[in-house]
Amino acid sequence: MPRNNASVPTHHRKKRVLKRAKGFRGGRSKLFRTANETIIRAEAFSRAHRRKRQGQFRRLWIQR
């Protein structure tokens, strides 16, 4: 019986990550591992900064 390898799901997973890393510089958009690390970091920052943005708009509103 032949060995089953998960090449299709792996390919889709890598493709999804590299698609999200589009526009990053150098290996961050080409290499899976660095792209994945960068994506995780970027998502963490984007979540934190969504909270910050609301406070910034509140301050702007008060100034105006």
PDB file of N, CA and C in Angstrom:
ATOM      1  N   MET A   1       0.854  -1.191   0.000  1.00  0.00           N
ATOM      2  CA  MET A   1       0.000   0.000   0.000  1.00  0.00           C
ATOM      3  C   MET A   1       0.891   1.243   0.000  1.00  0.00           C
ATOM      4  N   PRO A   2       0.618   2.210  -0.881  1.00  0.00           N
ATOM      5  CA  PRO A   2       1.484   3.386  -0.948  1.00  0.00           C
ATOM      6  C   PRO A   2       1.288   4.309   0.254  1.00  0.00           C
ATOM      7  N   ARG A   3       2.343   5.023   0.508  1.00  0.00           N
ATOM      8  CA  ARG A   3       2.342   5.953   1.637  1.00  0.00           C
ATOM      9  C   ARG A   3       1.531   7.200   1.271  1.00  0.00           C
ATOM     10  N   ASN A   4       0.716   7.636   2.181  1.00  0.00           N
ATOM     11  CA  ASN A   4      -0.101   8.817   1.937  1.00  0.00           C
ATOM     12  C   ASN A   4       0.646  10.053   2.419  1.00  0.00           C
ATOM     13  N   ASN A   5       0.823  11.012   1.532  1.00  0.00           N
ATOM     14  CA  ASN A   5       1.445  12.262   1.978  1.00  0.00           C
ATOM     15  C   ASN A   5       0.458  13.415   1.798  1.00  0.00           C
ATOM     16  N   ALA A   6       0.539  14.347   2.700  1.00  0.00           N
ATOM     17  CA  ALA A   6      -0.448  15.428   2.758  1.00  0.00           C
ATOM     18  C   ALA A   6       0.008  16.615   1.911  1.00  0.00           C
ATOM     19  N   SER A   7       0.424  16.343   0.672  1.00  0.00           N
ATOM     20  CA  SER A   7       1.009  17.404  -0.135  1.00  0.00           C
ATOM     21  C   SER A   7      -0.014  18.481  -0.514  1.00  0.00           C
ATOM     22  N   VAL A   8      -1.232  18.100  -0.795  1.00  0.00           N
ATOM     23  CA  VAL A   8      -2.227  19.081  -1.232  1.00  0.00           C
ATOM     24  C   VAL A   8      -2.590  20.043  -0.089  1.00  0.00           C
ATOM     25  N   PRO A   9      -2.959  19.550   1.104  1.00  0.00           N
ATOM     26  CA  PRO A   9      -3.259  20.478   2.192  1.00  0.00           C
ATOM     27  C   PRO A   9      -2.062  21.348   2.561  1.00  0.00           C
ATOM     28  N   THR A  10      -0.867  20.760   2.538  1.00  0.00           N
ATOM     29  CA  THR A  10       0.337  21.527   2.867  1.00  0.00           C
ATOM     30  C   THR A  10       0.529  22.649   1.853  1.00  0.00           C
ATOM     31  N   HIS A  11       0.362  22.330   0.585  1.00  0.00           N
ATOM     32  CA  HIS A  11       0.523  23.333  -0.471  1.00  0.00           C
ATOM     33  C   HIS A  11      -0.480  24.471  -0.291  1.00  0.00           C
ATOM     34  N   HIS A  12      -1.732  24.137   0.004  1.00  0.00           N
ATOM     35  CA  HIS A  12      -2.757  25.167   0.191  1.00  0.00           C
ATOM     36  C   HIS A  12      -2.442  26.035   1.399  1.00  0.00           C
ATOM     37  N   ARG A  13      -1.974  25.404   2.475  1.00  0.00           N
ATOM     38  CA  ARG A  13      -1.641  26.155   3.687  1.00  0.00           C
ATOM     39  C   ARG A  13      -0.509  27.146   3.404  1.00  0.00           C
ATOM     40  N   LYS A  14       0.531  26.671   2.718  1.00  0.00           N
ATOM     41  CA  LYS A  14       1.669  27.537   2.394  1.00  0.00           C
ATOM     42  C   LYS A  14       1.247  28.668   1.469  1.00  0.00           C
ATOM     43  N   LYS A  15       0.413  28.334   0.510  1.00  0.00           N
ATOM     44  CA  LYS A  15      -0.053  29.321  -0.455  1.00  0.00           C
ATOM     45  C   LYS A  15      -0.850  30.428   0.246  1.00  0.00           C
ATOM     46  N   ARG A  16      -1.681  30.016   1.205  1.00  0.00           N
ATOM     47  CA  ARG A  16      -2.499  30.984   1.935  1.00  0.00           C
ATOM     48  C   ARG A  16      -1.624  31.954   2.722  1.00  0.00           C
ATOM     49  N   VAL A  17      -0.588  31.418   3.376  1.00  0.00           N
ATOM     50  CA  VAL A  17       0.318  32.262   4.163  1.00  0.00           C
ATOM     51  C   VAL A  17       1.080  33.206   3.253  1.00  0.00           C
ATOM     52  N   LEU A  18       1.623  32.692   2.146  1.00  0.00           N
ATOM     53  CA  LEU A  18       2.415  33.529   1.241  1.00  0.00           C
ATOM     54  C   LEU A  18       1.549  34.601   0.574  1.00  0.00           C
ATOM     55  N   LYS A  19       0.283  34.298   0.375  1.00  0.00           N
ATOM     56  CA  LYS A  19      -0.628  35.288  -0.204  1.00  0.00           C
ATOM     57  C   LYS A  19      -0.830  36.455   0.772  1.00  0.00           C
ATOM     58  N   ARG A  20      -0.927  36.132   2.061  1.00  0.00           N
ATOM     59  CA  ARG A  20      -1.099  37.179   3.068  1.00  0.00           C
ATOM     60  C   ARG A  20       0.159  38.003   3.254  1.00  0.00           C
ATOM     61  N   ALA A  21       1.333  37.413   2.912  1.00  0.00           N
ATOM     62  CA  ALA A  21       2.617  38.094   3.089  1.00  0.00           C
ATOM     63  C   ALA A  21       2.996  38.929   1.862  1.00  0.00           C
ATOM     64  N   LYS A  22       2.086  39.073   0.935  1.00  0.00           N
ATOM     65  CA  LYS A  22       2.354  39.829  -0.275  1.00  0.00           C
ATOM     66  C   LYS A  22       2.686  41.276   0.087  1.00  0.00           C
ATOM     67  N   GLY A  23       3.732  41.818  -0.517  1.00  0.00           N
ATOM     68  CA  GLY A  23       4.116  43.194  -0.252  1.00  0.00           C
ATOM     69  C   GLY A  23       5.183  43.327   0.810  1.00  0.00           C
ATOM     70  N   PHE A  24       5.478  42.243   1.532  1.00  0.00           N
ATOM     71  CA  PHE A  24       6.570  42.285   2.504  1.00  0.00           C
ATOM     72  C   PHE A  24       7.890  42.224   1.749  1.00  0.00           C
ATOM     73  N   ARG A  25       8.961  42.681   2.383  1.00  0.00           N
ATOM     74  CA  ARG A  25      10.257  42.776   1.708  1.00  0.00           C
ATOM     75  C   ARG A  25      11.047  41.473   1.791  1.00  0.00           C
ATOM     76  N   GLY A  26      11.753  41.171   0.707  1.00  0.00           N
ATOM     77  CA  GLY A  26      12.718  40.069   0.685  1.00  0.00           C
ATOM     78  C   GLY A  26      12.097  38.718   0.976  1.00  0.00           C
ATOM     79  N   GLY A  27      12.793  37.941   1.817  1.00  0.00           N
ATOM     80  CA  GLY A  27      12.365  36.588   2.135  1.00  0.00           C
ATOM     81  C   GLY A  27      11.065  36.539   2.908  1.00  0.00           C
ATOM     82  N   ARG A  28      10.677  37.656   3.490  1.00  0.00           N
ATOM     83  CA  ARG A  28       9.430  37.678   4.256  1.00  0.00           C
ATOM     84  C   ARG A  28       8.223  37.430   3.373  1.00  0.00           C
ATOM     85  N   SER A  29       8.367  37.640   2.074  1.00  0.00           N
ATOM     86  CA  SER A  29       7.249  37.357   1.170  1.00  0.00           C
ATOM     87  C   SER A  29       7.496  36.110   0.331  1.00  0.00           C
ATOM     88  N   LYS A  30       8.713  35.547   0.396  1.00  0.00           N
ATOM     89  CA  LYS A  30       9.057  34.410  -0.469  1.00  0.00           C
ATOM     90  C   LYS A  30       9.182  33.103   0.301  1.00  0.00           C
ATOM     91  N   LEU A  31       9.760  33.147   1.498  1.00  0.00           N
ATOM     92  CA  LEU A  31      10.060  31.939   2.261  1.00  0.00           C
ATOM     93  C   LEU A  31       8.952  31.678   3.266  1.00  0.00           C
ATOM     94  N   PHE A  32       8.516  30.425   3.338  1.00  0.00           N
ATOM     95  CA  PHE A  32       7.340  30.110   4.154  1.00  0.00           C
ATOM     96  C   PHE A  32       7.564  30.414   5.629  1.00  0.00           C
ATOM     97  N   ARG A  33       8.689  29.977   6.178  1.00  0.00           N
ATOM     98  CA  ARG A  33       8.880  30.102   7.629  1.00  0.00           C
ATOM     99  C   ARG A  33       8.943  31.574   8.055  1.00  0.00           C
ATOM    100  N   THR A  34       9.746  32.357   7.366  1.00  0.00           N
ATOM    101  CA  THR A  34       9.858  33.776   7.737  1.00  0.00           C
ATOM    102  C   THR A  34       8.541  34.501   7.475  1.00  0.00           C
ATOM    103  N   ALA A  35       7.871  34.144   6.379  1.00  0.00           N
ATOM    104  CA  ALA A  35       6.581  34.770   6.076  1.00  0.00           C
ATOM    105  C   ALA A  35       5.575  34.450   7.168  1.00  0.00           C
ATOM    106  N   ASN A  36       5.563  33.206   7.636  1.00  0.00           N
ATOM    107  CA  ASN A  36       4.621  32.785   8.669  1.00  0.00           C
ATOM    108  C   ASN A  36       4.871  33.542   9.968  1.00  0.00           C
ATOM    109  N   GLU A  37       6.133  33.668  10.359  1.00  0.00           N
ATOM    110  CA  GLU A  37       6.477  34.413  11.582  1.00  0.00           C
ATOM    111  C   GLU A  37       6.038  35.866  11.464  1.00  0.00           C
ATOM    112  N   THR A  38       6.283  36.445  10.292  1.00  0.00           N
ATOM    113  CA  THR A  38       5.935  37.846  10.077  1.00  0.00           C
ATOM    114  C   THR A  38       4.427  38.053  10.103  1.00  0.00           C
ATOM    115  N   ILE A  39       3.694  37.114   9.522  1.00  0.00           N
ATOM    116  CA  ILE A  39       2.224  37.199   9.508  1.00  0.00           C
ATOM    117  C   ILE A  39       1.688  37.159  10.934  1.00  0.00           C
ATOM    118  N   ILE A  40       2.196  36.239  11.747  1.00  0.00           N
ATOM    119  CA  ILE A  40       1.734  36.105  13.134  1.00  0.00           C
ATOM    120  C   ILE A  40       1.979  37.402  13.884  1.00  0.00           C
ATOM    121  N   ARG A  41       3.172  37.963  13.696  1.00  0.00           N
ATOM    122  CA  ARG A  41       3.541  39.213  14.359  1.00  0.00           C
ATOM    123  C   ARG A  41       2.650  40.365  13.879  1.00  0.00           C
ATOM    124  N   ALA A  42       2.430  40.426  12.567  1.00  0.00           N
ATOM    125  CA  ALA A  42       1.612  41.498  11.986  1.00  0.00           C
ATOM    126  C   ALA A  42       0.176  41.427  12.495  1.00  0.00           C
ATOM    127  N   GLU A  43      -0.359  40.215  12.617  1.00  0.00           N
ATOM    128  CA  GLU A  43      -1.732  40.066  13.101  1.00  0.00           C
ATOM    129  C   GLU A  43      -1.847  40.495  14.564  1.00  0.00           C
ATOM    130  N   ALA A  44      -0.817  40.189  15.351  1.00  0.00           N
ATOM    131  CA  ALA A  44      -0.824  40.596  16.758  1.00  0.00           C
ATOM    132  C   ALA A  44      -0.832  42.113  16.859  1.00  0.00           C
ATOM    133  N   PHE A  45       0.013  42.762  16.051  1.00  0.00           N
ATOM    134  CA  PHE A  45       0.070  44.230  16.077  1.00  0.00           C
ATOM    135  C   PHE A  45      -1.238  44.832  15.578  1.00  0.00           C
ATOM    136  N   SER A  46      -1.821  44.250  14.517  1.00  0.00           N
ATOM    137  CA  SER A  46      -3.036  44.832  13.958  1.00  0.00           C
ATOM    138  C   SER A  46      -4.170  44.763  14.974  1.00  0.00           C
ATOM    139  N   ARG A  47      -4.210  43.688  15.751  1.00  0.00           N
ATOM    140  CA  ARG A  47      -5.259  43.570  16.765  1.00  0.00           C
ATOM    141  C   ARG A  47      -5.059  44.607  17.867  1.00  0.00           C
ATOM    142  N   ALA A  48      -3.819  44.749  18.321  1.00  0.00           N
ATOM    143  CA  ALA A  48      -3.518  45.718  19.372  1.00  0.00           C
ATOM    144  C   ALA A  48      -3.803  47.138  18.889  1.00  0.00           C
ATOM    145  N   HIS A  49      -3.468  47.415  17.633  1.00  0.00           N
ATOM    146  CA  HIS A  49      -3.617  48.772  17.126  1.00  0.00           C
ATOM    147  C   HIS A  49      -5.060  49.106  16.781  1.00  0.00           C
ATOM    148  N   ARG A  50      -5.899  48.085  16.596  1.00  0.00           N
ATOM    149  CA  ARG A  50      -7.329  48.381  16.428  1.00  0.00           C
ATOM    150  C   ARG A  50      -7.883  48.986  17.708  1.00  0.00           C
ATOM    151  N   ARG A  51      -7.424  48.472  18.855  1.00  0.00           N
ATOM    152  CA  ARG A  51      -7.864  49.028  20.137  1.00  0.00           C
ATOM    153  C   ARG A  51      -7.333  50.454  20.297  1.00  0.00           C
ATOM    154  N   LYS A  52      -6.082  50.655  19.918  1.00  0.00           N
ATOM    155  CA  LYS A  52      -5.458  51.978  20.049  1.00  0.00           C
ATOM    156  C   LYS A  52      -6.162  53.019  19.188  1.00  0.00           C
ATOM    157  N   ARG A  53      -6.556  52.608  17.978  1.00  0.00           N
ATOM    158  CA  ARG A  53      -7.140  53.541  17.019  1.00  0.00           C
ATOM    159  C   ARG A  53      -8.414  54.179  17.573  1.00  0.00           C
ATOM    160  N   GLN A  54      -9.203  53.394  18.312  1.00  0.00           N
ATOM    161  CA  GLN A  54     -10.441  53.938  18.864  1.00  0.00           C
ATOM    162  C   GLN A  54     -10.134  55.052  19.865  1.00  0.00           C
ATOM    163  N   GLY A  55      -9.082  54.856  20.662  1.00  0.00           N
ATOM    164  CA  GLY A  55      -8.677  55.893  21.610  1.00  0.00           C
ATOM    165  C   GLY A  55      -8.181  57.131  20.899  1.00  0.00           C
ATOM    166  N   GLN A  56      -7.456  56.931  19.786  1.00  0.00           N
ATOM    167  CA  GLN A  56      -6.952  58.079  19.025  1.00  0.00           C
ATOM    168  C   GLN A  56      -8.099  58.888  18.445  1.00  0.00           C
ATOM    169  N   PHE A  57      -9.109  58.206  17.931  1.00  0.00           N
ATOM    170  CA  PHE A  57     -10.258  58.922  17.385  1.00  0.00           C
ATOM    171  C   PHE A  57     -11.018  59.655  18.488  1.00  0.00           C
ATOM    172  N   ARG A  58     -11.082  59.058  19.662  1.00  0.00           N
ATOM    173  CA  ARG A  58     -11.745  59.715  20.783  1.00  0.00           C
ATOM    174  C   ARG A  58     -11.022  61.008  21.149  1.00  0.00           C
ATOM    175  N   ARG A  59      -9.687  60.933  21.214  1.00  0.00           N
ATOM    176  CA  ARG A  59      -8.896  62.132  21.521  1.00  0.00           C
ATOM    177  C   ARG A  59      -9.076  63.209  20.459  1.00  0.00           C
ATOM    178  N   LEU A  60      -9.090  62.780  19.194  1.00  0.00           N
ATOM    179  CA  LEU A  60      -9.286  63.721  18.082  1.00  0.00           C
ATOM    180  C   LEU A  60     -10.651  64.398  18.200  1.00  0.00           C
ATOM    181  N   TRP A  61     -11.673  63.611  18.515  1.00  0.00           N
ATOM    182  CA  TRP A  61     -13.033  64.121  18.657  1.00  0.00           C
ATOM    183  C   TRP A  61     -13.102  65.178  19.757  1.00  0.00           C
ATOM    184  N   ILE A  62     -12.428  64.898  20.873  1.00  0.00           N
ATOM    185  CA  ILE A  62     -12.425  65.824  22.006  1.00  0.00           C
ATOM    186  C   ILE A  62     -11.711  67.133  21.626  1.00  0.00           C
ATOM    187  N   GLN A  63     -10.593  67.025  20.907  1.00  0.00           N
ATOM    188  CA  GLN A  63      -9.861  68.210  20.479  1.00  0.00           C
ATOM    189  C   GLN A  63     -10.704  69.066  19.552  1.00  0.00           C
ATOM    190  N   ARG A  64     -11.404  68.393  18.654  1.00  0.00           N
ATOM    191  CA  ARG A  64     -12.212  69.160  17.684  1.00  0.00           C
ATOM    192  C   ARG A  64     -13.376  69.847  18.369  1.00  0.00           C
TER     193      ARG A  64
END
